[in-house]
Amino acid sequence: MNMPSDLDISRSSPRKPLEEVAADLGLAPHLLEPYGRDVAKVSLSALDELGEQNRAKYILVSAITPTPLGEGKTTTTVGLGQALHHLGKRSAIAIRQPSMGPTFGIKGGAAGGGYSQVVPMEALNLHLTGDMHAVTAANNMLAAMVDNHIHKGNELGLDPHRVTWRRVVDINDRELRNVVTGLGGSADGTPHQTGFDITAASEVMAVLALSNSLHDMRERLGRIVVGYTHQGQPVTAEQLGAAGAMTVIMREAIKPNLMQTVENTPVLVHAGPFGNIAHGNSSIVADRIASRCADYVVTEAGFGADMGAERFFNIKCRTSGLRPDAAVLVATVRALKAHSGRFRVVAGKDLPAEMLDENPEDVLTGADNLRKQIENLRMHGVSPVVAVNAFPTDHPSEHQAIREVAENAGARVAISTHFTDGGKGAVELAEAVSEAAEEPSRFELLYPDSADLRTKIETVATRVYGADGVSYTPAAERALRSYTANGFDSLPVCIAKTHLSLSSDPSLLGAPTGWTLPVREVRASVGAGFVYPICGDMRTMPGLSSRPAAERIDIDDRGEVVGLS
């Protein structure tokens, strides 16, 4: 089947005025702040005006461990939201804003795809309303104030060798991972080694995503720890006098962005924390607004259920107080075949030709990953629905193999063709999700606040990832002792690891056993409200590939973007 490109579909889809899209959710025009024709900010006063009159069914979309090509999780999220409209339900979709690093790196965009995407895709994937830039500016202003404080006398006694705050930029640039600043003489600062992270991995981004209100964001920004004194005492953004100005920079960014799908279903796009480094979920504010407007709120979490879903449950829901009613687990034939270990899938290259041959046995061989991810949802007390994201190269026997595995594991299953057919192609999925959401909620967190940090890390590693245990470098050990001494041990954990395996080694497919999770270092995002161990070779600043997507993105003679899809 020959389909138009995602970009062509986006441009040809008829759009409703945003006032009409908002009206579908009961949002009055005075709550919208237009940013051009296709995007609007939603005023935070909507939370007060809407009150608590509605409690939508709260649906999470997650996935099995993906291949480097991705398995269509955003596309499924959008397709499900559209399909619920086909069933006569009032639905709202809540997703993250894409980072321009991956957009110009490998992915080339994250608006969904085909006839299940957010439009216009150029706006979503590029600057949108400037929230990413606000996060970058607030983060880097704090870094400048840290360095200036040290340069101007260091009244707080910050140890220059224990400054933990780094600068950020919203591009993939490995050259910035480790840098020396302050060169050039005494007038240009104090030389020291530091580095850059990508904006989506910054604590300021996590604060944006996990704040419940403007006031809450102000408090969280003030709690950010930028480093430690010679005596090991934490120094915060509040002590530096930076939190108020950071909040001013972020004042507009905390308002969710309203857009629509190709079928005019409302979408709230807000915040963009990475799914393998940060907690990988869109904002609490967007979900709270949507839950007071819709019958169903469909949101997604980054990468597989071992990552984004685990953090959705144990970080986002712990913070928001919202409780999920069901969870969708996206699976594809190609991903399960990859987990068989017979094929090598490389980003930017075509799938191996033999991978497209009909072979349900390959699917069954790779099905351990599906079983484990179903288990990961169930251990949180959430009813799973497996969504088979169908590709034209799939075979019915392969879909049947996935269905048998999922049903034997106690999950509902639906075959979904939303990429080619839009919402009508996901009606079976919407019906299964509606049934699952009616079941009594048994949601539970994986660990209590009172557990120590080691216990929290080891609980996630052994129960969710399937590790035998955890090893720590001396630096990680010291950090854990310091965080415990400073009272940070009540925070949940956000383990940064590869998204390409349940383990910390991307080459280990399926549901590997007999391995140990290696914690290389541990950082504390006290303002956001979590501690994040960094495992294996995971980097907080990605690099570009040998053929980045930026090489094919351009402007045509009419001034239109090309090459983005």
Protein backbone atom coordinates (compact mmCIF):
# COMPACT_ATOMS: atom_id res chain seq x y z
CA MET A 1 0.00 0.00 0.00
CA ASN A 2 1.38 3.37 -1.01
CA MET A 3 0.66 6.05 1.56
CA PRO A 4 1.41 9.75 1.54
CA SER A 5 4.24 10.82 3.83
CA ASP A 6 3.42 11.83 7.39
CA LEU A 7 4.17 15.42 6.46
CA ASP A 8 1.80 15.30 3.47
CA ILE A 9 -0.96 13.78 5.62
CA SER A 10 -0.43 16.46 8.25
CA ARG A 11 -0.67 19.29 5.72
CA SER A 12 -3.72 17.89 3.92
CA SER A 13 -5.80 17.12 7.03
CA PRO A 14 -8.66 19.58 7.66
CA ARG A 15 -8.27 21.36 10.99
CA LYS A 16 -10.88 22.76 13.28
CA PRO A 17 -10.46 26.17 14.87
CA LEU A 18 -8.87 25.53 18.26
CA GLU A 19 -11.84 27.15 20.01
CA GLU A 20 -13.98 24.29 18.64
CA VAL A 21 -11.40 21.67 19.66
CA ALA A 22 -11.37 23.16 23.17
CA ALA A 23 -15.17 23.27 23.25
CA ASP A 24 -15.21 19.49 22.76
CA LEU A 25 -13.55 19.33 26.17
CA GLY A 26 -15.69 22.04 27.75
CA LEU A 27 -12.82 24.55 27.77
CA ALA A 28 -14.20 28.06 27.29
CA PRO A 29 -12.48 30.41 24.80
CA HIS A 30 -11.21 32.72 27.57
CA LEU A 31 -9.03 29.85 28.85
CA LEU A 32 -7.07 29.75 25.58
CA GLU A 33 -4.02 31.88 24.76
CA PRO A 34 -3.44 31.50 20.99
CA TYR A 35 0.05 30.99 19.55
CA GLY A 36 -0.80 31.39 15.88
CA ARG A 37 -3.61 29.39 14.26
CA ASP A 38 -2.69 25.86 15.29
CA VAL A 39 -1.49 25.98 18.90
CA ALA A 40 -2.82 27.58 22.07
CA LYS A 41 -1.73 27.69 25.67
CA VAL A 42 -4.34 26.59 28.22
CA SER A 43 -4.57 28.90 31.21
CA LEU A 44 -3.91 27.32 34.60
CA SER A 45 -7.12 28.94 35.81
CA ALA A 46 -8.83 26.04 34.03
CA LEU A 47 -7.96 23.89 37.05
CA ASP A 48 -10.03 26.12 39.33
CA GLU A 49 -12.86 26.79 36.89
CA LEU A 50 -13.35 23.13 35.99
CA GLY A 51 -13.17 22.03 39.62
CA GLU A 52 -13.46 18.36 40.43
CA GLN A 53 -16.72 17.71 38.62
CA ASN A 54 -15.26 14.99 36.44
CA ARG A 55 -12.86 12.10 36.89
CA ALA A 56 -11.84 10.66 33.55
CA LYS A 57 -10.65 7.12 33.05
CA TYR A 58 -6.86 7.43 33.07
CA ILE A 59 -5.15 5.28 30.43
CA LEU A 60 -1.40 4.78 30.09
CA VAL A 61 0.17 3.68 26.79
CA SER A 62 3.49 1.85 27.15
CA ALA A 63 5.29 -0.81 25.11
CA ILE A 64 7.45 -3.88 25.03
CA THR A 65 11.19 -3.21 24.80
CA PRO A 66 11.50 -1.46 21.41
CA THR A 67 13.89 -1.88 18.53
CA PRO A 68 16.02 1.17 17.54
CA LEU A 69 13.27 2.00 15.02
CA GLY A 70 10.54 2.44 17.66
CA GLU A 71 7.26 0.51 17.67
CA GLY A 72 4.69 3.27 17.19
CA LYS A 73 3.78 4.10 20.79
CA THR A 74 2.84 7.72 20.08
CA THR A 75 0.98 6.62 16.96
CA THR A 76 -0.97 4.13 19.08
CA THR A 77 -1.67 6.76 21.73
CA VAL A 78 -3.13 9.08 19.10
CA GLY A 79 -5.00 6.25 17.35
CA LEU A 80 -6.58 5.12 20.63
CA GLY A 81 -7.65 8.66 21.48
CA GLN A 82 -9.27 8.99 18.06
CA ALA A 83 -10.92 5.56 18.34
CA LEU A 84 -12.56 6.47 21.65
CA HIS A 85 -14.21 9.35 19.79
CA HIS A 86 -15.54 6.79 17.29
CA LEU A 87 -17.17 5.04 20.27
CA GLY A 88 -18.86 8.26 21.31
CA LYS A 89 -16.50 8.95 24.20
CA ARG A 90 -15.02 12.35 24.95
CA SER A 91 -11.26 11.73 24.95
CA ALA A 92 -8.17 13.85 25.45
CA ILE A 93 -4.64 12.84 24.52
CA ALA A 94 -1.65 13.97 26.59
CA ILE A 95 1.86 13.58 25.18
CA ARG A 96 5.35 15.01 25.60
CA GLN A 97 6.87 17.70 23.42
CA PRO A 98 9.63 16.15 21.26
CA SER A 99 13.23 17.20 21.80
CA MET A 100 14.92 18.69 18.75
CA GLY A 101 18.00 16.57 19.54
CA PRO A 102 16.38 13.30 18.38
CA THR A 103 14.31 15.14 15.76
CA PHE A 104 17.52 16.17 13.97
CA GLY A 105 19.34 13.03 15.11
CA ILE A 106 17.68 9.71 14.29
CA LYS A 107 13.92 9.82 14.89
CA GLY A 108 13.08 12.72 12.58
CA GLY A 109 9.99 13.64 14.64
CA ALA A 110 7.60 12.34 17.29
CA ALA A 111 4.10 13.45 16.31
CA GLY A 112 2.75 9.95 15.76
CA GLY A 113 2.39 8.82 12.18
CA GLY A 114 0.16 8.10 9.22
CA TYR A 115 -3.49 8.83 10.00
CA SER A 116 -2.84 8.86 13.75
CA GLN A 117 -0.71 11.92 14.33
CA VAL A 118 -0.76 15.36 15.93
CA VAL A 119 -0.92 18.28 13.53
CA PRO A 120 0.78 20.37 12.37
CA MET A 121 3.80 18.12 12.80
CA GLU A 122 6.29 20.89 11.97
CA ALA A 123 5.09 22.97 14.92
CA LEU A 124 5.09 20.03 17.32
CA ASN A 125 8.56 18.83 16.38
CA LEU A 126 10.29 22.18 16.26
CA HIS A 127 9.87 25.21 18.53
CA LEU A 128 6.14 24.90 19.37
CA THR A 129 5.54 27.67 21.97
CA GLY A 130 9.12 27.91 23.17
CA ASP A 131 8.79 25.76 26.30
CA MET A 132 12.03 23.89 25.54
CA HIS A 133 13.87 27.19 25.16
CA ALA A 134 12.46 28.43 28.47
CA VAL A 135 13.72 25.30 30.22
CA THR A 136 17.13 25.77 28.60
CA ALA A 137 17.30 29.44 29.62
CA ALA A 138 16.21 28.82 33.21
CA ASN A 139 18.69 25.97 33.60
CA ASN A 140 21.60 27.97 32.16
CA MET A 141 20.79 31.10 34.12
CA LEU A 142 21.13 29.04 37.29
CA ALA A 143 24.48 27.72 36.03
CA ALA A 144 25.64 31.29 35.39
CA MET A 145 24.57 32.33 38.88
CA VAL A 146 26.42 29.40 40.44
CA ASP A 147 29.66 30.34 38.66
CA ASN A 148 29.13 34.03 39.41
CA HIS A 149 28.60 33.31 43.09
CA ILE A 150 31.92 31.48 43.28
CA HIS A 151 33.68 34.21 41.29
CA LYS A 152 32.29 37.00 43.49
CA GLY A 153 33.48 35.66 46.84
CA ASN A 154 31.57 32.41 47.37
CA GLU A 155 29.65 33.52 50.46
CA LEU A 156 27.87 30.16 50.71
CA GLY A 157 31.13 28.25 50.71
CA LEU A 158 30.40 26.11 47.64
CA ASP A 159 33.19 23.64 46.96
CA PRO A 160 34.11 24.33 43.30
CA HIS A 161 34.96 20.64 42.93
CA ARG A 162 31.51 19.58 44.15
CA VAL A 163 29.34 21.75 41.90
CA THR A 164 26.87 19.34 40.30
CA TRP A 165 24.81 21.74 38.17
CA ARG A 166 25.51 21.51 34.44
CA ARG A 167 24.42 23.53 31.44
CA VAL A 168 21.99 22.17 28.83
CA VAL A 169 21.18 22.60 25.14
CA ASP A 170 18.42 21.01 23.04
CA ILE A 171 20.65 19.31 20.47
CA ASN A 172 22.66 16.10 20.35
CA ASP A 173 26.32 17.11 20.77
CA ARG A 174 28.82 14.64 22.23
CA GLU A 175 31.57 17.30 22.16
CA LEU A 176 29.81 19.07 25.03
CA ARG A 177 29.66 16.11 27.41
CA ASN A 178 32.85 17.22 29.16
CA VAL A 179 34.15 20.79 28.87
CA VAL A 180 36.34 23.26 30.73
CA THR A 181 34.86 26.71 31.33
CA GLY A 182 36.26 29.95 32.70
CA LEU A 183 39.39 30.06 30.54
CA GLY A 184 40.92 33.35 29.48
CA GLY A 185 41.97 34.99 32.73
CA SER A 186 40.54 36.10 36.07
CA ALA A 187 38.03 38.45 34.45
CA ASP A 188 36.48 35.52 32.59
CA GLY A 189 35.65 33.35 35.58
CA THR A 190 37.21 30.46 37.45
CA PRO A 191 38.43 27.57 35.27
CA HIS A 192 36.74 24.27 36.10
CA GLN A 193 35.62 21.10 34.41
CA THR A 194 31.91 20.70 33.79
CA GLY A 195 29.67 19.58 30.93
CA PHE A 196 26.36 19.84 29.11
CA ASP A 197 23.30 17.62 29.22
CA ILE A 198 20.51 17.66 26.67
CA THR A 199 17.60 19.91 27.71
CA ALA A 200 15.18 16.98 27.92
CA ALA A 201 17.42 15.38 30.57
CA SER A 202 17.62 18.48 32.77
CA GLU A 203 16.13 18.69 36.23
CA VAL A 204 14.30 21.87 35.21
CA MET A 205 12.43 19.84 32.58
CA ALA A 206 11.52 17.23 35.20
CA VAL A 207 10.33 20.00 37.51
CA LEU A 208 8.09 21.34 34.73
CA ALA A 209 6.61 17.89 34.17
CA LEU A 210 6.07 17.05 37.85
CA SER A 211 4.74 20.38 39.15
CA ASN A 212 1.08 20.58 40.16
CA SER A 213 0.83 24.37 39.87
CA LEU A 214 2.82 27.55 39.31
CA HIS A 215 3.40 27.86 43.05
CA ASP A 216 4.52 24.24 43.28
CA MET A 217 6.97 24.82 40.40
CA ARG A 218 8.40 27.84 42.26
CA GLU A 219 8.95 25.70 45.35
CA ARG A 220 10.55 22.87 43.39
CA LEU A 221 12.91 25.19 41.54
CA GLY A 222 14.01 26.57 44.89
CA ARG A 223 14.82 23.05 46.17
CA ILE A 224 17.21 22.28 43.30
CA VAL A 225 20.62 21.34 44.69
CA VAL A 226 23.46 22.86 42.65
CA GLY A 227 26.38 21.48 44.66
CA TYR A 228 27.84 21.02 48.13
CA THR A 229 30.02 22.91 50.57
CA HIS A 230 33.39 21.63 51.78
CA GLN A 231 31.48 20.22 54.77
CA GLY A 232 29.11 18.29 52.48
CA GLN A 233 26.06 20.51 52.98
CA PRO A 234 23.80 20.99 49.94
CA VAL A 235 23.47 24.44 48.37
CA THR A 236 20.16 25.20 46.66
CA ALA A 237 18.87 27.54 43.96
CA GLU A 238 16.85 29.26 46.67
CA GLN A 239 19.99 30.06 48.65
CA LEU A 240 21.57 31.52 45.51
CA GLY A 241 18.53 33.74 44.96
CA ALA A 242 17.92 32.21 41.52
CA ALA A 243 14.59 30.41 41.93
CA GLY A 244 12.35 33.45 41.53
CA ALA A 245 13.93 34.51 38.24
CA MET A 246 13.85 30.92 37.00
CA THR A 247 10.11 30.82 37.71
CA VAL A 248 9.61 34.06 35.78
CA ILE A 249 11.37 32.52 32.78
CA MET A 250 9.15 29.42 33.12
CA ARG A 251 5.90 31.32 33.81
CA GLU A 252 4.41 30.64 30.37
CA ALA A 253 6.02 27.24 29.94
CA ILE A 254 3.95 25.70 32.74
CA LYS A 255 0.78 26.22 30.69
CA PRO A 256 -0.04 23.13 28.55
CA ASN A 257 -0.21 23.45 24.76
CA LEU A 258 -3.46 22.54 23.01
CA MET A 259 -3.28 20.96 19.55
CA GLN A 260 -5.36 18.42 17.59
CA THR A 261 -5.00 15.18 15.68
CA VAL A 262 -5.73 14.59 12.00
CA GLU A 263 -9.26 13.65 13.18
CA ASN A 264 -9.53 16.80 15.35
CA THR A 265 -9.26 14.96 18.68
CA PRO A 266 -7.90 17.32 21.37
CA VAL A 267 -4.24 16.88 22.35
CA LEU A 268 -2.39 18.47 25.25
CA VAL A 269 1.34 18.61 24.54
CA HIS A 270 3.43 19.52 27.55
CA ALA A 271 6.97 18.95 28.86
CA GLY A 272 9.47 16.54 27.35
CA PRO A 273 11.64 14.63 29.84
CA PHE A 274 13.65 11.86 28.19
CA GLY A 275 12.40 8.31 28.69
CA ASN A 276 15.76 6.60 29.27
CA ILE A 277 17.47 9.35 31.31
CA ALA A 278 14.66 11.29 32.99
CA HIS A 279 11.20 9.97 33.94
CA GLY A 280 9.80 10.09 30.41
CA ASN A 281 6.25 11.37 30.97
CA SER A 282 4.28 14.45 29.98
CA SER A 283 3.11 16.90 32.60
CA ILE A 284 0.91 16.44 35.63
CA VAL A 285 -0.74 19.80 34.94
CA ALA A 286 -1.88 18.65 31.48
CA ASP A 287 -3.24 15.38 32.88
CA ARG A 288 -5.08 17.17 35.68
CA ILE A 289 -6.75 19.58 33.27
CA ALA A 290 -7.65 16.78 30.85
CA SER A 291 -9.02 14.55 33.61
CA ARG A 292 -11.55 17.27 34.49
CA CYS A 293 -12.71 17.64 30.88
CA ALA A 294 -12.83 14.21 29.27
CA ASP A 295 -14.28 10.75 29.73
CA TYR A 296 -10.88 9.24 28.93
CA VAL A 297 -7.37 10.68 29.21
CA VAL A 298 -4.86 8.75 27.09
CA THR A 299 -1.24 9.47 27.92
CA GLU A 300 2.02 7.75 27.04
CA ALA A 301 5.26 6.96 28.82
CA GLY A 302 8.67 6.73 27.19
CA PHE A 303 10.08 3.48 25.79
CA GLY A 304 9.20 0.11 27.34
CA ALA A 305 7.07 -0.66 30.40
CA ASP A 306 10.26 -1.29 32.41
CA MET A 307 11.15 2.37 31.96
CA GLY A 308 8.43 4.95 31.25
CA ALA A 309 5.58 2.94 32.77
CA GLU A 310 7.52 2.10 35.94
CA ARG A 311 8.32 5.81 36.37
CA PHE A 312 4.75 6.81 35.51
CA PHE A 313 3.54 4.61 38.34
CA ASN A 314 6.23 5.22 40.95
CA ILE A 315 7.18 8.85 40.27
CA LYS A 316 4.39 10.63 38.37
CA CYS A 317 1.41 8.98 40.06
CA ARG A 318 3.14 9.18 43.44
CA THR A 319 3.43 12.95 42.91
CA SER A 320 0.07 13.70 41.25
CA GLY A 321 -2.21 11.42 43.23
CA LEU A 322 -3.87 10.34 39.96
CA ARG A 323 -4.39 6.61 39.56
CA PRO A 324 -4.38 4.70 36.25
CA ASP A 325 -7.42 2.63 35.27
CA ALA A 326 -5.74 0.56 32.53
CA ALA A 327 -2.50 0.33 30.57
CA VAL A 328 -1.88 -0.41 26.89
CA LEU A 329 1.23 -2.37 25.96
CA VAL A 330 2.20 -1.76 22.32
CA ALA A 331 3.80 -4.74 20.60
CA THR A 332 4.89 -5.32 17.02
CA VAL A 333 5.75 -8.41 15.06
CA ARG A 334 9.11 -6.97 14.09
CA ALA A 335 10.10 -6.19 17.70
CA LEU A 336 9.26 -9.69 18.93
CA LYS A 337 11.15 -11.18 16.00
CA ALA A 338 14.12 -8.98 16.96
CA HIS A 339 13.90 -10.32 20.53
CA SER A 340 14.30 -13.84 19.11
CA GLY A 341 17.98 -12.95 18.64
CA ARG A 342 17.99 -14.01 14.99
CA PHE A 343 18.03 -10.53 13.47
CA ARG A 344 20.01 -7.33 13.85
CA VAL A 345 17.97 -4.14 13.60
CA VAL A 346 19.92 -0.92 13.00
CA ALA A 347 18.45 2.59 13.13
CA GLY A 348 18.50 4.26 9.72
CA LYS A 349 18.73 0.96 7.81
CA ASP A 350 16.06 -1.27 6.27
CA LEU A 351 14.92 -4.33 8.19
CA PRO A 352 16.69 -7.57 7.18
CA ALA A 353 14.73 -9.07 4.26
CA GLU A 354 14.27 -12.44 5.98
CA MET A 355 12.68 -10.68 8.96
CA LEU A 356 9.67 -9.93 6.75
CA ASP A 357 9.08 -13.57 5.88
CA GLU A 358 6.09 -15.23 7.54
CA ASN A 359 7.44 -16.97 10.63
CA PRO A 360 5.28 -17.08 13.78
CA GLU A 361 7.94 -19.24 15.46
CA ASP A 362 10.31 -16.25 15.51
CA VAL A 363 7.55 -14.26 17.20
CA LEU A 364 7.07 -16.95 19.82
CA THR A 365 10.83 -17.22 20.40
CA GLY A 366 10.97 -13.51 21.21
CA ALA A 367 7.80 -13.49 23.30
CA ASP A 368 9.53 -13.60 26.69
CA ASN A 369 9.89 -9.84 26.53
CA LEU A 370 6.13 -9.44 26.01
CA ARG A 371 5.40 -11.75 28.95
CA LYS A 372 7.75 -9.83 31.24
CA GLN A 373 6.35 -6.44 30.29
CA ILE A 374 2.80 -7.69 30.91
CA GLU A 375 4.03 -8.84 34.32
CA ASN A 376 5.57 -5.39 34.93
CA LEU A 377 2.17 -3.76 34.45
CA ARG A 378 0.36 -6.35 36.52
CA MET A 379 2.73 -6.01 39.49
CA HIS A 380 1.42 -2.43 39.84
CA GLY A 381 -2.16 -3.69 39.89
CA VAL A 382 -3.05 -2.29 36.46
CA SER A 383 -5.08 -4.18 33.84
CA PRO A 384 -2.98 -4.62 30.66
CA VAL A 385 -4.25 -4.48 27.09
CA VAL A 386 -1.80 -5.58 24.39
CA ALA A 387 -2.11 -3.46 21.25
CA VAL A 388 -0.61 -5.18 18.23
CA ASN A 389 0.50 -2.28 16.06
CA ALA A 390 0.00 -3.89 12.67
CA PHE A 391 2.38 -3.28 9.77
CA PRO A 392 1.56 -4.12 6.11
CA THR A 393 4.47 -6.61 6.12
CA ASP A 394 2.95 -8.63 9.01
CA HIS A 395 1.16 -11.92 8.54
CA PRO A 396 -2.08 -13.04 10.24
CA SER A 397 -0.35 -16.08 11.73
CA GLU A 398 2.15 -13.77 13.43
CA HIS A 399 -0.62 -11.63 14.90
CA GLN A 400 -2.28 -14.80 16.15
CA ALA A 401 0.96 -15.85 17.84
CA ILE A 402 1.06 -12.55 19.76
CA ARG A 403 -2.60 -12.93 20.68
CA GLU A 404 -2.05 -16.41 22.12
CA VAL A 405 0.95 -15.31 24.19
CA ALA A 406 -0.84 -12.25 25.58
CA GLU A 407 -4.08 -14.06 26.39
CA ASN A 408 -2.18 -16.87 28.11
CA ALA A 409 -0.53 -14.16 30.22
CA GLY A 410 -3.96 -12.84 31.19
CA ALA A 411 -4.04 -9.73 29.03
CA ARG A 412 -6.65 -8.47 26.61
CA VAL A 413 -5.45 -8.17 23.01
CA ALA A 414 -6.43 -6.05 20.02
CA ILE A 415 -5.02 -5.86 16.49
CA SER A 416 -4.79 -2.22 15.50
CA THR A 417 -4.39 -0.60 12.07
CA HIS A 418 -4.56 3.02 13.21
CA PHE A 419 -1.49 4.05 11.18
CA THR A 420 -3.28 3.37 7.89
CA ASP A 421 -6.92 3.65 9.01
CA GLY A 422 -6.89 6.30 11.73
CA GLY A 423 -9.29 6.01 14.65
CA LYS A 424 -11.52 3.40 13.00
CA GLY A 425 -8.51 1.11 12.82
CA ALA A 426 -8.18 1.17 16.61
CA VAL A 427 -11.82 0.63 17.58
CA GLU A 428 -11.14 -2.94 18.74
CA LEU A 429 -8.37 -1.54 20.95
CA ALA A 430 -10.65 1.20 22.31
CA GLU A 431 -13.32 -1.38 23.20
CA ALA A 432 -10.76 -3.55 25.01
CA VAL A 433 -9.40 -0.53 26.90
CA SER A 434 -12.92 0.54 27.91
CA GLU A 435 -13.56 -2.92 29.32
CA ALA A 436 -10.26 -3.01 31.20
CA ALA A 437 -10.85 0.47 32.64
CA GLU A 438 -14.13 -0.65 34.17
CA GLU A 439 -12.39 -3.25 36.32
CA PRO A 440 -11.90 -2.24 39.98
CA SER A 441 -8.60 -0.40 40.44
CA ARG A 442 -5.93 -2.31 42.37
CA PHE A 443 -3.13 0.16 41.67
CA GLU A 444 -0.18 0.05 44.05
CA LEU A 445 3.28 1.58 44.19
CA LEU A 446 6.30 -0.70 43.95
CA TYR A 447 7.96 0.57 47.12
CA PRO A 448 7.16 2.96 49.99
CA ASP A 449 8.75 6.37 50.52
CA SER A 450 10.29 5.05 53.72
CA ALA A 451 12.47 2.44 51.98
CA ASP A 452 16.15 3.38 51.72
CA LEU A 453 17.65 4.26 48.35
CA ARG A 454 19.47 0.96 47.92
CA THR A 455 16.27 -0.96 48.56
CA LYS A 456 14.39 1.17 46.01
CA ILE A 457 17.07 0.68 43.36
CA GLU A 458 17.32 -3.05 43.99
CA THR A 459 13.53 -3.47 44.01
CA VAL A 460 13.22 -1.96 40.53
CA ALA A 461 16.29 -3.85 39.27
CA THR A 462 15.23 -7.28 40.46
CA ARG A 463 11.44 -7.13 40.14
CA VAL A 464 11.03 -4.99 36.99
CA TYR A 465 14.25 -5.58 35.06
CA GLY A 466 14.86 -9.18 36.17
CA ALA A 467 18.40 -8.56 37.48
CA ASP A 468 20.03 -10.83 40.05
CA GLY A 469 21.29 -7.80 41.95
CA VAL A 470 22.99 -4.40 41.76
CA SER A 471 26.65 -3.36 41.85
CA TYR A 472 27.85 0.15 42.70
CA THR A 473 31.04 1.99 41.85
CA PRO A 474 32.81 3.72 44.77
CA ALA A 475 31.53 7.07 43.45
CA ALA A 476 27.95 5.77 43.45
CA GLU A 477 28.40 4.44 47.00
CA ARG A 478 29.64 7.83 48.20
CA ALA A 479 26.73 9.63 46.54
CA LEU A 480 24.17 7.34 48.17
CA ARG A 481 25.72 7.92 51.59
CA SER A 482 25.70 11.68 51.01
CA TYR A 483 22.07 11.73 49.84
CA THR A 484 20.98 9.67 52.83
CA ALA A 485 22.87 11.98 55.22
CA ASN A 486 21.16 15.01 53.63
CA GLY A 487 17.66 13.53 53.87
CA PHE A 488 17.10 12.73 50.21
CA ASP A 489 16.48 9.02 50.85
CA SER A 490 12.70 9.51 50.99
CA LEU A 491 12.66 10.29 47.24
CA PRO A 492 11.72 7.72 44.58
CA VAL A 493 14.35 6.52 42.11
CA CYS A 494 14.58 7.04 38.35
CA ILE A 495 17.10 4.57 36.93
CA ALA A 496 18.82 5.78 33.76
CA LYS A 497 19.66 2.82 31.53
CA THR A 498 19.40 1.69 27.92
CA HIS A 499 15.89 1.49 26.47
CA LEU A 500 16.88 -1.33 24.09
CA SER A 501 16.94 -4.08 26.72
CA LEU A 502 15.30 -4.95 30.00
CA SER A 503 18.88 -5.08 31.24
CA SER A 504 21.56 -2.38 31.19
CA ASP A 505 23.20 -4.01 28.16
CA PRO A 506 21.47 -3.20 24.84
CA SER A 507 22.71 -6.44 23.31
CA LEU A 508 20.73 -8.61 25.77
CA LEU A 509 17.35 -9.26 24.18
CA GLY A 510 14.16 -10.91 25.35
CA ALA A 511 13.93 -11.18 29.14
CA PRO A 512 17.55 -11.76 30.20
CA THR A 513 18.45 -13.39 33.51
CA GLY A 514 21.69 -13.98 35.39
CA TRP A 515 22.97 -10.41 35.16
CA THR A 516 23.77 -7.57 37.57
CA LEU A 517 22.74 -3.93 37.18
CA PRO A 518 25.91 -1.76 37.24
CA VAL A 519 25.30 1.67 38.82
CA ARG A 520 28.06 3.98 37.59
CA GLU A 521 27.01 7.17 39.35
CA VAL A 522 24.03 8.57 41.21
CA ARG A 523 22.62 12.10 40.90
CA ALA A 524 19.91 13.78 42.95
CA SER A 525 17.15 15.84 41.35
CA VAL A 526 15.83 17.15 44.65
CA GLY A 527 13.65 19.84 43.11
CA ALA A 528 12.01 17.42 40.69
CA GLY A 529 11.73 14.92 43.51
CA PHE A 530 13.77 11.84 42.57
CA VAL A 531 17.24 10.33 42.74
CA TYR A 532 18.60 8.93 39.50
CA PRO A 533 21.24 6.22 39.29
CA ILE A 534 23.05 6.12 35.94
CA CYS A 535 23.89 2.64 34.69
CA GLY A 536 26.38 1.21 32.24
CA ASP A 537 27.26 3.48 29.31
CA MET A 538 24.12 5.63 29.50
CA ARG A 539 24.85 9.28 28.61
CA THR A 540 22.90 12.39 29.57
CA MET A 541 24.00 14.06 26.32
CA PRO A 542 23.39 12.00 23.16
CA GLY A 543 25.62 12.16 20.09
CA LEU A 544 24.67 12.27 16.42
CA SER A 545 24.78 9.21 14.18
CA SER A 546 26.91 8.95 11.05
CA ARG A 547 23.89 10.04 8.95
CA PRO A 548 21.74 12.27 11.19
CA ALA A 549 18.23 13.25 10.16
CA ALA A 550 19.44 16.85 9.94
CA GLU A 551 21.10 15.98 6.62
CA ARG A 552 17.73 15.45 4.92
CA ILE A 553 15.74 18.26 6.57
CA ASP A 554 15.51 21.44 4.49
CA ILE A 555 13.30 24.21 3.14
CA ASP A 556 11.79 23.99 -0.35
CA ASP A 557 11.15 26.78 -2.86
CA ARG A 558 7.83 27.60 -1.19
CA GLY A 559 9.43 27.96 2.21
CA GLU A 560 7.96 24.65 3.46
CA VAL A 561 9.84 22.18 5.64
CA VAL A 562 10.85 18.97 3.85
CA GLY A 563 12.40 15.75 5.13
CA LEU A 564 10.94 15.92 8.63
CA SER A 565 8.77 12.79 8.44
